[in-house]
C-alpha atoms as a PDB file:
ATOM      1  CA  MET A   1    -154.334 -27.403  -2.083  1.00  0.00           C
ATOM      2  CA  VAL A   2    -152.352 -25.836   0.720  1.00  0.00           C
ATOM      3  CA  GLY A   3    -149.339 -27.878  -0.367  1.00  0.00           C
ATOM      4  CA  ALA A   4    -149.744 -26.654  -3.951  1.00  0.00           C
ATOM      5  CA  VAL A   5    -149.956 -23.061  -2.787  1.00  0.00           C
ATOM      6  CA  ASN A   6    -146.743 -23.517  -0.784  1.00  0.00           C
ATOM      7  CA  ILE A   7    -145.028 -24.948  -3.859  1.00  0.00           C
ATOM      8  CA  LEU A   8    -146.187 -21.947  -5.873  1.00  0.00           C
ATOM      9  CA  ARG A   9    -144.863 -19.606  -3.204  1.00  0.00           C
ATOM     10  CA  ILE A  10    -141.534 -21.316  -3.277  1.00  0.00           C
ATOM     11  CA  HIS A  11    -141.328 -20.826  -7.034  1.00  0.00           C
ATOM     12  CA  GLY A  12    -142.258 -17.195  -6.887  1.00  0.00           C
ATOM     13  CA  ILE A  13    -145.966 -17.323  -7.886  1.00  0.00           C
ATOM     14  CA  SER A  14    -148.376 -15.299  -5.800  1.00  0.00           C
ATOM     15  CA  CYS A  15    -151.006 -17.050  -3.776  1.00  0.00           C
ATOM     16  CA  ALA A  16    -153.971 -15.321  -5.437  1.00  0.00           C
ATOM     17  CA  ARG A  17    -152.698 -16.200  -8.899  1.00  0.00           C
ATOM     18  CA  GLY A  18    -152.124 -19.790  -7.906  1.00  0.00           C
ATOM     19  CA  ILE A  19    -155.607 -20.229  -6.452  1.00  0.00           C
ATOM     20  CA  GLN A  20    -157.133 -18.665  -9.539  1.00  0.00           C
ATOM     21  CA  LEU A  21    -155.246 -21.097 -11.732  1.00  0.00           C
ATOM     22  CA  LEU A  22    -156.122 -24.076  -9.584  1.00  0.00           C
ATOM     23  CA  CYS A  23    -159.798 -23.205  -9.341  1.00  0.00           C
ATOM     24  CA  SER A  24    -160.382 -22.529 -13.024  1.00  0.00           C
ATOM     25  CA  ARG A  25    -162.306 -25.134 -15.042  1.00  0.00           C
ATOM     26  CA  GLU A  26    -159.441 -25.598 -17.400  1.00  0.00           C
ATOM     27  CA  ASN A  27    -157.382 -27.002 -14.598  1.00  0.00           C
ATOM     28  CA  TYR A  28    -159.600 -30.076 -14.151  1.00  0.00           C
ATOM     29  CA  ARG A  29    -159.229 -33.031 -16.408  1.00  0.00           C
ATOM     30  CA  PRO A  30    -161.805 -35.737 -15.531  1.00  0.00           C
ATOM     31  CA  VAL A  31    -160.683 -39.277 -15.858  1.00  0.00           C
ATOM     32  CA  ARG A  32    -163.332 -41.696 -17.143  1.00  0.00           C
ATOM     33  CA  LYS A  33    -163.228 -45.268 -16.146  1.00  0.00           C
ATOM     34  CA  CYS A  34    -165.966 -47.824 -16.929  1.00  0.00           C
ATOM     35  CA  GLY A  35    -168.237 -45.138 -18.255  1.00  0.00           C
ATOM     36  CA  ARG A  36    -168.296 -43.318 -14.997  1.00  0.00           C
ATOM     37  CA  SER A  37    -166.785 -40.038 -14.122  1.00  0.00           C
ATOM     38  CA  LEU A  38    -164.492 -39.977 -11.079  1.00  0.00           C
ATOM     39  CA  PHE A  39    -163.364 -37.089  -8.998  1.00  0.00           C
ATOM     40  CA  PRO A  40    -160.175 -35.548 -10.238  1.00  0.00           C
ATOM     41  CA  GLN A  41    -157.199 -37.306  -8.697  1.00  0.00           C
ATOM     42  CA  ARG A  42    -154.538 -34.683  -9.556  1.00  0.00           C
ATOM     43  CA  LYS A  43    -154.570 -31.077 -10.549  1.00  0.00           C
ATOM     44  CA  ILE A  44    -152.311 -30.614 -13.523  1.00  0.00           C
ATOM     45  CA  LEU A  45    -151.082 -27.167 -14.287  1.00  0.00           C
ATOM     46  CA  PRO A  46    -151.315 -25.924 -17.827  1.00  0.00           C
ATOM     47  CA  ALA A  47    -148.277 -25.890 -20.077  1.00  0.00           C
ATOM     48  CA  GLY A  48    -148.215 -22.083 -20.049  1.00  0.00           C
ATOM     49  CA  ILE A  49    -147.804 -22.038 -16.289  1.00  0.00           C
ATOM     50  CA  CYS A  50    -145.061 -24.661 -16.370  1.00  0.00           C
ATOM     51  CA  SER A  51    -143.188 -22.772 -19.038  1.00  0.00           C
ATOM     52  CA  GLY A  52    -143.596 -19.532 -17.114  1.00  0.00           C
ATOM     53  CA  LEU A  53    -142.399 -21.262 -13.986  1.00  0.00           C
ATOM     54  CA  GLY A  54    -139.334 -22.507 -15.824  1.00  0.00           C
ATOM     55  CA  LEU A  55    -138.594 -19.038 -17.060  1.00  0.00           C
ATOM     56  CA  GLN A  56    -138.906 -17.681 -13.550  1.00  0.00           C
ATOM     57  CA  LEU A  57    -136.617 -20.414 -12.228  1.00  0.00           C
ATOM     58  CA  LYS A  58    -134.108 -19.618 -14.970  1.00  0.00           C
ATOM     59  CA  ALA A  59    -134.381 -15.909 -14.199  1.00  0.00           C
ATOM     60  CA  PHE A  60    -133.870 -16.592 -10.514  1.00  0.00           C
ATOM     61  CA  ALA A  61    -130.847 -18.777 -11.245  1.00  0.00           C
ATOM     62  CA  SER A  62    -129.418 -16.194 -13.655  1.00  0.00           C
ATOM     63  CA  ARG A  63    -129.850 -13.423 -11.076  1.00  0.00           C
ATOM     64  CA  LYS A  64    -128.119 -15.595  -8.508  1.00  0.00           C
ATOM     65  CA  SER A  65    -125.268 -16.404 -10.884  1.00  0.00           C
ATOM     66  CA  LYS A  66    -124.934 -12.729 -11.828  1.00  0.00           C
ATOM     67  CA  LYS A  67    -124.767 -11.805  -8.166  1.00  0.00           C
ATOM     68  CA  LYS A  68    -122.136 -14.481  -7.598  1.00  0.00           C
ATOM     69  CA  VAL A  69    -120.127 -13.275 -10.599  1.00  0.00           C
ATOM     70  CA  LYS A  70    -120.412  -9.705  -9.337  1.00  0.00           C
ATOM     71  CA  ASN A  71    -119.203 -10.729  -5.888  1.00  0.00           C
ATOM     72  CA  ASP A  72    -116.365 -12.730  -7.421  1.00  0.00           C
ATOM     73  CA  GLY A  73    -115.461  -9.787  -9.648  1.00  0.00           C
ATOM     74  CA  SER A  74    -115.428  -7.358  -6.733  1.00  0.00           C
ATOM     75  CA  PHE A  75    -113.360  -9.823  -4.698  1.00  0.00           C
ATOM     76  CA  SER A  76    -110.850 -10.189  -7.539  1.00  0.00           C
ATOM     77  CA  LYS A  77    -110.672  -6.410  -7.942  1.00  0.00           C
ATOM     78  CA  ALA A  78    -110.130  -6.025  -4.212  1.00  0.00           C
ATOM     79  CA  SER A  79    -107.368  -8.650  -4.237  1.00  0.00           C
ATOM     80  CA  GLU A  80    -105.731  -6.967  -7.247  1.00  0.00           C
ATOM     81  CA  ARG A  81    -105.827  -3.646  -5.434  1.00  0.00           C
ATOM     82  CA  LYS A  82    -104.307  -5.234  -2.349  1.00  0.00           C
ATOM     83  CA  GLU A  83    -101.503  -6.739  -4.443  1.00  0.00           C
ATOM     84  CA  LEU A  84    -100.875  -3.408  -6.150  1.00  0.00           C
ATOM     85  CA  LEU A  85    -100.935  -1.703  -2.767  1.00  0.00           C
ATOM     86  CA  SER A  86     -98.378  -4.097  -1.304  1.00  0.00           C
ATOM     87  CA  LYS A  87     -96.103  -3.791  -4.353  1.00  0.00           C
ATOM     88  CA  ASP A  88     -96.421  -0.034  -4.270  1.00  0.00           C
ATOM     89  CA  PHE A  89     -95.596   0.083  -0.580  1.00  0.00           C
ATOM     90  CA  LEU A  90     -92.490  -2.055  -1.069  1.00  0.00           C
ATOM     91  CA  SER A  91     -91.255   0.173  -3.903  1.00  0.00           C
ATOM     92  CA  MET A  92     -92.020   3.353  -1.977  1.00  0.00           C
ATOM     93  CA  PRO A  93     -88.394   4.693  -1.641  1.00  0.00           C
ATOM     94  CA  ASP A  94     -88.133   4.887  -5.436  1.00  0.00           C
ATOM     95  CA  GLY A  95     -91.406   6.694  -5.865  1.00  0.00           C
ATOM     96  CA  VAL A  96     -94.465   7.291  -3.768  1.00  0.00           C
ATOM     97  CA  SER A  97     -97.086   5.574  -5.960  1.00  0.00           C
ATOM     98  CA  SER A  98     -98.017   4.848  -9.528  1.00  0.00           C
ATOM     99  CA  GLY A  99    -101.340   6.566  -8.923  1.00  0.00           C
ATOM    100  CA  ASN A 100     -99.623   9.628  -7.539  1.00  0.00           C
ATOM    101  CA  LYS A 101     -96.763   9.640 -10.027  1.00  0.00           C
ATOM    102  CA  THR A 102     -96.762  13.349 -10.688  1.00  0.00           C
ATOM    103  CA  ASN A 103     -96.667  14.352  -7.060  1.00  0.00           C
ATOM    104  CA  SER A 104     -93.992  11.782  -6.213  1.00  0.00           C
ATOM    105  CA  SER A 105     -91.693  12.824  -9.064  1.00  0.00           C
ATOM    106  CA  THR A 106     -92.104  16.466  -8.121  1.00  0.00           C
ATOM    107  CA  SER A 107     -91.338  15.691  -4.487  1.00  0.00           C
ATOM    108  CA  SER A 108     -88.237  13.638  -5.353  1.00  0.00           C
ATOM    109  CA  GLU A 109     -86.961  16.337  -7.672  1.00  0.00           C
ATOM    110  CA  LEU A 110     -87.527  18.943  -4.981  1.00  0.00           C
ATOM    111  CA  THR A 111     -85.699  16.794  -2.434  1.00  0.00           C
ATOM    112  CA  ALA A 112     -82.752  16.226  -4.761  1.00  0.00           C
ATOM    113  CA  ASN A 113     -82.519  19.895  -5.686  1.00  0.00           C
ATOM    114  CA  THR A 114     -82.850  21.058  -2.104  1.00  0.00           C
ATOM    115  CA  LEU A 115     -80.243  18.740  -0.669  1.00  0.00           C
ATOM    116  CA  GLY A 116     -77.894  18.703  -3.653  1.00  0.00           C
ATOM    117  CA  ALA A 117     -77.854  14.935  -3.767  1.00  0.00           C
ATOM    118  CA  ASN A 118     -76.354  13.379  -6.823  1.00  0.00           C
ATOM    119  CA  SER A 119     -76.437   9.631  -6.493  1.00  0.00           C
ATOM    120  CA  SER A 120     -75.532   8.968 -10.143  1.00  0.00           C
ATOM    121  CA  ASN A 121     -71.864   9.865  -9.567  1.00  0.00           C
ATOM    122  CA  SER A 122     -69.629   6.892  -8.728  1.00  0.00           C
ATOM    123  CA  TYR A 123     -66.682   7.702  -6.477  1.00  0.00           C
ATOM    124  CA  PRO A 124     -63.469   5.706  -5.899  1.00  0.00           C
ATOM    125  CA  THR A 125     -63.441   3.052  -3.251  1.00  0.00           C
ATOM    126  CA  ARG A 126     -61.449   3.282  -0.040  1.00  0.00           C
ATOM    127  CA  GLY A 127     -58.686   1.049  -1.379  1.00  0.00           C
ATOM    128  CA  GLN A 128     -58.396   3.020  -4.592  1.00  0.00           C
ATOM    129  CA  VAL A 129     -58.157   6.328  -2.736  1.00  0.00           C
ATOM    130  CA  LEU A 130     -55.496   5.091  -0.312  1.00  0.00           C
ATOM    131  CA  GLN A 131     -53.516   3.417  -3.083  1.00  0.00           C
ATOM    132  CA  ALA A 132     -53.567   6.543  -5.258  1.00  0.00           C
ATOM    133  CA  CYS A 133     -52.626   8.706  -2.280  1.00  0.00           C
ATOM    134  CA  ILE A 134     -49.662   6.546  -1.285  1.00  0.00           C
ATOM    135  CA  ILE A 135     -48.339   6.196  -4.843  1.00  0.00           C
ATOM    136  CA  THR A 136     -48.770   9.884  -5.693  1.00  0.00           C
ATOM    137  CA  CYS A 137     -47.243  11.088  -2.449  1.00  0.00           C
ATOM    138  CA  GLY A 138     -44.349   8.677  -2.847  1.00  0.00           C
ATOM    139  CA  LEU A 139     -43.635  10.063  -6.326  1.00  0.00           C
ATOM    140  CA  LEU A 140     -43.835  13.656  -5.056  1.00  0.00           C
ATOM    141  CA  LEU A 141     -41.441  12.857  -2.220  1.00  0.00           C
ATOM    142  CA  ALA A 142     -39.002  11.231  -4.625  1.00  0.00           C
ATOM    143  CA  VAL A 143     -39.129  14.130  -7.110  1.00  0.00           C
ATOM    144  CA  GLY A 144     -38.794  16.718  -4.335  1.00  0.00           C
ATOM    145  CA  ALA A 145     -35.851  14.938  -2.796  1.00  0.00           C
ATOM    146  CA  LEU A 146     -34.114  14.588  -6.193  1.00  0.00           C
ATOM    147  CA  ILE A 147     -34.593  18.287  -7.016  1.00  0.00           C
ATOM    148  CA  ARG A 148     -33.256  19.345  -3.605  1.00  0.00           C
ATOM    149  CA  GLN A 149     -30.216  17.132  -3.980  1.00  0.00           C
ATOM    150  CA  ALA A 150     -29.590  18.273  -7.562  1.00  0.00           C
ATOM    151  CA  VAL A 151     -29.825  21.961  -6.617  1.00  0.00           C
ATOM    152  CA  HIS A 152     -27.523  21.406  -3.635  1.00  0.00           C
ATOM    153  CA  LEU A 153     -24.893  19.707  -5.783  1.00  0.00           C
ATOM    154  CA  ALA A 154     -25.194  22.418  -8.448  1.00  0.00           C
ATOM    155  CA  SER A 155     -24.696  25.181  -5.906  1.00  0.00           C
ATOM    156  CA  VAL A 156     -21.697  23.375  -4.435  1.00  0.00           C
ATOM    157  CA  GLU A 157     -20.201  23.119  -7.919  1.00  0.00           C
ATOM    158  CA  GLY A 158     -20.452  26.874  -8.276  1.00  0.00           C
ATOM    159  CA  TRP A 159     -23.681  27.278 -10.189  1.00  0.00           C
ATOM    160  CA  ALA A 160     -25.584  30.467  -9.570  1.00  0.00           C
ATOM    161  CA  LEU A 161     -28.304  28.699  -7.691  1.00  0.00           C
ATOM    162  CA  LEU A 162     -29.485  29.107  -4.133  1.00  0.00           C
ATOM    163  CA  ASP A 163     -28.591  26.095  -2.070  1.00  0.00           C
ATOM    164  CA  SER A 164     -31.718  24.191  -1.159  1.00  0.00           C
ATOM    165  CA  SER A 165     -30.278  23.630   2.288  1.00  0.00           C
ATOM    166  CA  GLU A 166     -31.261  27.232   3.046  1.00  0.00           C
ATOM    167  CA  VAL A 167     -34.700  25.759   3.679  1.00  0.00           C
ATOM    168  CA  SER A 168     -33.798  23.249   6.356  1.00  0.00           C
ATOM    169  CA  LEU A 169     -35.613  20.730   8.497  1.00  0.00           C
ATOM    170  CA  ASP A 170     -34.923  22.668  11.683  1.00  0.00           C
ATOM    171  CA  PHE A 171     -37.695  23.400  14.131  1.00  0.00           C
ATOM    172  CA  GLU A 172     -37.923  26.029  16.837  1.00  0.00           C
ATOM    173  CA  LEU A 173     -40.525  26.686  19.494  1.00  0.00           C
ATOM    174  CA  TRP A 174     -41.824  29.888  17.985  1.00  0.00           C
ATOM    175  CA  HIS A 175     -42.659  27.948  14.828  1.00  0.00           C
ATOM    176  CA  LEU A 176     -45.677  26.599  16.723  1.00  0.00           C
ATOM    177  CA  GLU A 177     -47.166  30.082  16.795  1.00  0.00           C
ATOM    178  CA  LEU A 178     -46.627  30.435  13.063  1.00  0.00           C
ATOM    179  CA  ILE A 179     -48.201  27.035  12.410  1.00  0.00           C
ATOM    180  CA  LEU A 180     -51.208  27.865  14.596  1.00  0.00           C
ATOM    181  CA  GLY A 181     -51.626  31.229  12.874  1.00  0.00           C
ATOM    182  CA  LEU A 182     -51.555  29.594   9.431  1.00  0.00           C
ATOM    183  CA  VAL A 183     -54.145  26.997  10.457  1.00  0.00           C
ATOM    184  CA  VAL A 184     -56.513  29.659  11.820  1.00  0.00           C
ATOM    185  CA  LEU A 185     -56.022  31.961   8.817  1.00  0.00           C
ATOM    186  CA  ILE A 186     -56.511  29.306   6.146  1.00  0.00           C
ATOM    187  CA  SER A 187     -59.381  27.493   7.879  1.00  0.00           C
ATOM    188  CA  SER A 188     -61.326  30.695   8.562  1.00  0.00           C
ATOM    189  CA  THR A 189     -60.745  31.971   5.018  1.00  0.00           C
ATOM    190  CA  ARG A 190     -61.920  28.679   3.618  1.00  0.00           C
ATOM    191  CA  TYR A 191     -65.073  28.784   5.755  1.00  0.00           C
ATOM    192  CA  ILE A 192     -65.889  32.318   4.573  1.00  0.00           C
ATOM    193  CA  LEU A 193     -65.392  31.375   0.930  1.00  0.00           C
ATOM    194  CA  LEU A 194     -67.584  28.297   1.305  1.00  0.00           C
ATOM    195  CA  LYS A 195     -70.399  30.525   2.528  1.00  0.00           C
ATOM    196  CA  THR A 196     -69.931  33.373   0.048  1.00  0.00           C
ATOM    197  CA  TRP A 197     -68.574  31.805  -3.168  1.00  0.00           C
ATOM    198  CA  PRO A 198     -70.935  29.162  -4.623  1.00  0.00           C
ATOM    199  CA  ASP A 199     -68.543  28.075  -7.360  1.00  0.00           C
ATOM    200  CA  PHE A 200     -65.785  27.423  -4.855  1.00  0.00           C
ATOM    201  CA  SER A 201     -68.202  25.652  -2.556  1.00  0.00           C
ATOM    202  CA  GLN A 202     -69.271  23.323  -5.372  1.00  0.00           C
ATOM    203  CA  SER A 203     -65.680  22.610  -6.422  1.00  0.00           C
ATOM    204  CA  SER A 204     -64.651  21.940  -2.836  1.00  0.00           C
ATOM    205  CA  GLU A 205     -67.600  19.611  -2.319  1.00  0.00           C
ATOM    206  CA  ILE A 206     -66.716  17.633  -5.462  1.00  0.00           C
ATOM    207  CA  ALA A 207     -63.086  17.289  -4.374  1.00  0.00           C
ATOM    208  CA  ASN A 208     -64.042  16.176  -0.871  1.00  0.00           C
ATOM    209  CA  GLN A 209     -66.565  13.641  -2.140  1.00  0.00           C
ATOM    210  CA  GLN A 210     -64.061  12.116  -4.543  1.00  0.00           C
ATOM    211  CA  ILE A 211     -61.428  11.668  -1.851  1.00  0.00           C
ATOM    212  CA  LEU A 212     -63.163  11.472   1.524  1.00  0.00           C
ATOM    213  CA  SER A 213     -66.579   9.892   0.931  1.00  0.00           C
ATOM    214  CA  SER A 214     -65.381   6.266   1.135  1.00  0.00           C
ATOM    215  CA  LEU A 215     -62.761   6.648   3.884  1.00  0.00           C
ATOM    216  CA  GLU A 216     -62.775   5.519   7.487  1.00  0.00           C
ATOM    217  CA  PRO A 217     -62.030   8.022  10.295  1.00  0.00           C
ATOM    218  CA  PHE A 218     -58.425   6.825  10.713  1.00  0.00           C
ATOM    219  CA  ASP A 219     -57.822   7.208   6.962  1.00  0.00           C
ATOM    220  CA  TYR A 220     -58.253  10.961   7.294  1.00  0.00           C
ATOM    221  CA  ILE A 221     -54.886  11.137   9.034  1.00  0.00           C
ATOM    222  CA  VAL A 222     -53.227   9.306   6.141  1.00  0.00           C
ATOM    223  CA  VAL A 223     -54.766  11.435   3.372  1.00  0.00           C
ATOM    224  CA  SER A 224     -54.064  14.607   5.361  1.00  0.00           C
ATOM    225  CA  PHE A 225     -50.422  14.179   6.365  1.00  0.00           C
ATOM    226  CA  LEU A 226     -49.024  12.315   3.358  1.00  0.00           C
ATOM    227  CA  PRO A 227     -50.050  15.017   0.827  1.00  0.00           C
ATOM    228  CA  GLY A 228     -49.083  17.764   3.264  1.00  0.00           C
ATOM    229  CA  ILE A 229     -45.566  16.417   3.695  1.00  0.00           C
ATOM    230  CA  SER A 230     -44.890  15.381   0.078  1.00  0.00           C
ATOM    231  CA  GLU A 231     -46.352  18.472  -1.591  1.00  0.00           C
ATOM    232  CA  GLU A 232     -44.510  20.877   0.683  1.00  0.00           C
ATOM    233  CA  LEU A 233     -41.237  19.067   0.184  1.00  0.00           C
ATOM    234  CA  LEU A 234     -41.596  19.448  -3.584  1.00  0.00           C
ATOM    235  CA  PHE A 235     -43.036  22.973  -3.870  1.00  0.00           C
ATOM    236  CA  ARG A 236     -41.647  24.835  -0.836  1.00  0.00           C
ATOM    237  CA  GLY A 237     -38.634  22.628  -0.112  1.00  0.00           C
ATOM    238  CA  ALA A 238     -37.338  22.178  -3.679  1.00  0.00           C
ATOM    239  CA  LEU A 239     -38.954  24.604  -6.150  1.00  0.00           C
ATOM    240  CA  LEU A 240     -39.070  27.681  -3.918  1.00  0.00           C
ATOM    241  CA  PRO A 241     -35.273  27.761  -3.295  1.00  0.00           C
ATOM    242  CA  LEU A 242     -34.768  27.140  -7.003  1.00  0.00           C
ATOM    243  CA  PHE A 243     -36.783  30.269  -7.889  1.00  0.00           C
ATOM    244  CA  GLY A 244     -35.490  32.319  -4.973  1.00  0.00           C
ATOM    245  CA  LEU A 245     -36.546  33.016  -1.399  1.00  0.00           C
ATOM    246  CA  ASN A 246     -38.714  36.098  -1.963  1.00  0.00           C
ATOM    247  CA  TRP A 247     -42.411  36.860  -2.175  1.00  0.00           C
ATOM    248  CA  ILE A 248     -42.422  36.843  -5.997  1.00  0.00           C
ATOM    249  CA  SER A 249     -41.018  33.326  -6.069  1.00  0.00           C
ATOM    250  CA  ALA A 250     -43.543  32.344  -3.397  1.00  0.00           C
ATOM    251  CA  LEU A 251     -46.351  33.697  -5.624  1.00  0.00           C
ATOM    252  CA  VAL A 252     -45.040  31.914  -8.735  1.00  0.00           C
ATOM    253  CA  VAL A 253     -44.642  28.583  -6.950  1.00  0.00           C
ATOM    254  CA  GLY A 254     -48.060  29.096  -5.382  1.00  0.00           C
ATOM    255  CA  ALA A 255     -49.584  29.662  -8.846  1.00  0.00           C
ATOM    256  CA  ILE A 256     -48.003  26.431 -10.115  1.00  0.00           C
ATOM    257  CA  PHE A 257     -49.372  24.700  -7.039  1.00  0.00           C
ATOM    258  CA  GLY A 258     -52.855  26.118  -7.732  1.00  0.00           C
ATOM    259  CA  VAL A 259     -52.942  25.201 -11.437  1.00  0.00           C
ATOM    260  CA  LEU A 260     -52.054  21.599 -10.625  1.00  0.00           C
ATOM    261  CA  HIS A 261     -55.200  21.412  -8.476  1.00  0.00           C
ATOM    262  CA  LEU A 262     -57.465  21.863 -11.505  1.00  0.00           C
ATOM    263  CA  GLY A 263     -59.428  18.990 -13.000  1.00  0.00           C
ATOM    264  CA  SER A 264     -61.706  16.203 -11.750  1.00  0.00           C
ATOM    265  CA  GLY A 265     -64.601  18.618 -11.306  1.00  0.00           C
ATOM    266  CA  ARG A 266     -62.524  21.304  -9.592  1.00  0.00           C
ATOM    267  CA  LYS A 267     -62.906  24.644 -11.343  1.00  0.00           C
ATOM    268  CA  TYR A 268     -60.788  27.781 -11.545  1.00  0.00           C
ATOM    269  CA  SER A 269     -62.129  28.950  -8.195  1.00  0.00           C
ATOM    270  CA  TYR A 270     -60.431  26.010  -6.516  1.00  0.00           C
ATOM    271  CA  ALA A 271     -57.202  26.845  -8.344  1.00  0.00           C
ATOM    272  CA  VAL A 272     -57.421  30.433  -7.051  1.00  0.00           C
ATOM    273  CA  TRP A 273     -57.880  29.127  -3.539  1.00  0.00           C
ATOM    274  CA  ALA A 274     -54.940  26.716  -3.871  1.00  0.00           C
ATOM    275  CA  THR A 275     -52.783  29.555  -5.199  1.00  0.00           C
ATOM    276  CA  PHE A 276     -53.588  31.673  -2.144  1.00  0.00           C
ATOM    277  CA  VAL A 277     -52.807  28.761   0.181  1.00  0.00           C
ATOM    278  CA  GLY A 278     -49.540  28.020  -1.626  1.00  0.00           C
ATOM    279  CA  PHE A 279     -48.526  31.665  -1.411  1.00  0.00           C
ATOM    280  CA  ALA A 280     -49.215  31.663   2.357  1.00  0.00           C
ATOM    281  CA  TYR A 281     -47.130  28.522   2.837  1.00  0.00           C
ATOM    282  CA  GLY A 282     -44.341  30.058   0.776  1.00  0.00           C
ATOM    283  CA  LEU A 283     -44.240  33.182   2.931  1.00  0.00           C
ATOM    284  CA  ALA A 284     -44.183  31.023   6.063  1.00  0.00           C
ATOM    285  CA  THR A 285     -41.271  29.062   4.596  1.00  0.00           C
ATOM    286  CA  ILE A 286     -39.338  32.261   3.883  1.00  0.00           C
ATOM    287  CA  ILE A 287     -40.026  33.612   7.371  1.00  0.00           C
ATOM    288  CA  SER A 288     -39.084  30.448   9.242  1.00  0.00           C
ATOM    289  CA  SER A 289     -36.447  29.044   6.848  1.00  0.00           C
ATOM    290  CA  SER A 290     -37.865  25.642   7.746  1.00  0.00           C
ATOM    291  CA  ILE A 291     -39.804  23.209   5.604  1.00  0.00           C
ATOM    292  CA  LEU A 292     -41.424  21.727   8.709  1.00  0.00           C
ATOM    293  CA  VAL A 293     -43.652  24.795   9.179  1.00  0.00           C
ATOM    294  CA  PRO A 294     -45.513  24.515   5.851  1.00  0.00           C
ATOM    295  CA  MET A 295     -45.578  20.716   6.197  1.00  0.00           C
ATOM    296  CA  ALA A 296     -47.276  20.866   9.599  1.00  0.00           C
ATOM    297  CA  SER A 297     -49.618  23.701   8.559  1.00  0.00           C
ATOM    298  CA  HIS A 298     -50.643  21.959   5.350  1.00  0.00           C
ATOM    299  CA  SER A 299     -51.272  18.635   7.079  1.00  0.00           C
ATOM    300  CA  LEU A 300     -53.313  20.169   9.916  1.00  0.00           C
ATOM    301  CA  ASN A 301     -55.395  22.231   7.507  1.00  0.00           C
ATOM    302  CA  ASN A 302     -56.142  19.099   5.491  1.00  0.00           C
ATOM    303  CA  LEU A 303     -57.168  17.265   8.647  1.00  0.00           C
ATOM    304  CA  VAL A 304     -59.365  20.077   9.951  1.00  0.00           C
ATOM    305  CA  GLY A 305     -61.048  20.556   6.585  1.00  0.00           C
ATOM    306  CA  GLY A 306     -61.660  16.822   6.170  1.00  0.00           C
ATOM    307  CA  LEU A 307     -63.123  16.356   9.650  1.00  0.00           C
ATOM    308  CA  LEU A 308     -65.383  19.377   9.288  1.00  0.00           C
ATOM    309  CA  TRP A 309     -66.624  18.075   5.934  1.00  0.00           C
ATOM    310  CA  ARG A 310     -67.277  14.658   7.488  1.00  0.00           C
ATOM    311  CA  LEU A 311     -69.304  16.156  10.334  1.00  0.00           C
ATOM    312  CA  THR A 312     -71.332  18.416   8.058  1.00  0.00           C
ATOM    313  CA  SER A 313     -71.906  15.619   5.526  1.00  0.00           C
ATOM    314  CA  ASP A 314     -73.206  13.328   8.293  1.00  0.00           C
ATOM    315  CA  SER A 315     -75.627  16.023   9.412  1.00  0.00           C
ATOM    316  CA  ARG A 316     -76.692  16.563   5.801  1.00  0.00           C
ATOM    317  CA  GLU A 317     -77.319  12.832   5.397  1.00  0.00           C
ATOM    318  CA  GLN A 318     -79.471  12.869   8.520  1.00  0.00           C
ATOM    319  CA  ASP A 319     -81.391  15.899   7.281  1.00  0.00           C
ATOM    320  CA  ARG A 320     -81.781  14.257   3.882  1.00  0.00           C
ATOM    321  CA  GLY A 321     -83.222  11.150   5.509  1.00  0.00           C
ATOM    322  CA  ASN A 322     -85.644  13.231   7.562  1.00  0.00           C
ATOM    323  CA  LEU A 323     -86.736  15.223   4.524  1.00  0.00           C
ATOM    324  CA  GLN A 324     -87.211  12.086   2.424  1.00  0.00           C
ATOM    325  CA  SER A 325     -89.277  10.578   5.223  1.00  0.00           C
ATOM    326  CA  PHE A 326     -91.343  13.756   5.343  1.00  0.00           C
ATOM    327  CA  PHE A 327     -92.081  13.633   1.611  1.00  0.00           C
ATOM    328  CA  LEU A 328     -92.618   9.878   1.744  1.00  0.00           C
ATOM    329  CA  PHE A 329     -95.176   9.793   4.544  1.00  0.00           C
ATOM    330  CA  GLY A 330     -96.661  13.141   3.565  1.00  0.00           C
ATOM    331  CA  ASN A 331     -97.711  11.655   0.237  1.00  0.00           C
ATOM    332  CA  LEU A 332     -98.249   8.200   1.690  1.00  0.00           C
ATOM    333  CA  PHE A 333    -100.981   9.061   4.205  1.00  0.00           C
ATOM    334  CA  PRO A 334    -103.642  10.532   1.877  1.00  0.00           C
ATOM    335  CA  LEU A 335    -102.792   7.984  -0.793  1.00  0.00           C
ATOM    336  CA  ARG A 336    -103.260   5.046   1.546  1.00  0.00           C
ATOM    337  CA  THR A 337    -106.525   6.494   2.879  1.00  0.00           C
ATOM    338  CA  LEU A 338    -107.856   6.781  -0.658  1.00  0.00           C
ATOM    339  CA  THR A 339    -106.733   3.274  -1.565  1.00  0.00           C
ATOM    340  CA  PHE A 340    -108.304   1.590   1.448  1.00  0.00           C
ATOM    341  CA  SER A 341    -111.506   3.543   0.975  1.00  0.00           C
ATOM    342  CA  GLU A 342    -111.628   2.281  -2.600  1.00  0.00           C
ATOM    343  CA  LEU A 343    -111.116  -1.232  -1.306  1.00  0.00           C
ATOM    344  CA  GLY A 344    -114.021  -0.703   1.085  1.00  0.00           C
ATOM    345  CA  ARG A 345    -116.229   0.433  -1.748  1.00  0.00           C
ATOM    346  CA  GLY A 346    -115.146  -2.555  -3.814  1.00  0.00           C
ATOM    347  CA  LYS A 347    -116.321  -4.896  -1.098  1.00  0.00           C
END
């Protein structure tokens, strides 16, 4: 009987209920043999108990299977969350998270607006910039030299034209002071306008990005001196003597010089600035009677402006990286805490 009670305990039937069932008269089935009644050899449980026991076994098995399915489901959810978390972490530079999409888009927009980054624009490569610079400057040199020679021959033939040789290639020591003064004047004026005139600042930034963004440090010398020499030979060495060596001619040639600087994202403000610079170079040419003064001033101003832009752009890139890291990890930390806590709850 003790063994039967243990079997009933194993199958989830209470001890009192089992004893009651075993001790009831219905549980005994006497076996008759040779007209005599023997003691019961085996206690057979009723069909109701067996069916109930089967139901309990089925219920126990179903509860176990449900628990297993639940554990498997939670494990699959946890693995899915881990996969999503890893994918989200790898794609973090493009956006902070799919679950925090609103905050990430707002942060990226704020970063782009604050830093003025515009990655959609495609700028020329280094080879394209150098090739365009060499070809353009070569054409300007050729045109300037042809105009100077034509004006010289016309004046020799008796035409009422000022000989272009009046603006010579001579150089004197005091020209250094004039060159230094022009560099300081133009560079300081440019710096003031960059800080006080937003339209000019934007136009200047577009021009610098188009030309200087893909260049190496040594290339700055090439793109500074070639335009400085070729442009001054054409405008101050050829056109200025043609119009006359006076301040009105210097202003007219400077205006032509400024208008030709329009386009490619450069607005009227940049043309006004180029007109002022051309007028200053024209006055220096009239004062010195030498084309070398505006050539040297123009080239040095290009070099100074390009190097300053390179230094400031490098610092802006560093600040942009720091600010992007700030927004990235600022949104990343609470998001990751929430995600791992959800994973903990899923387990």
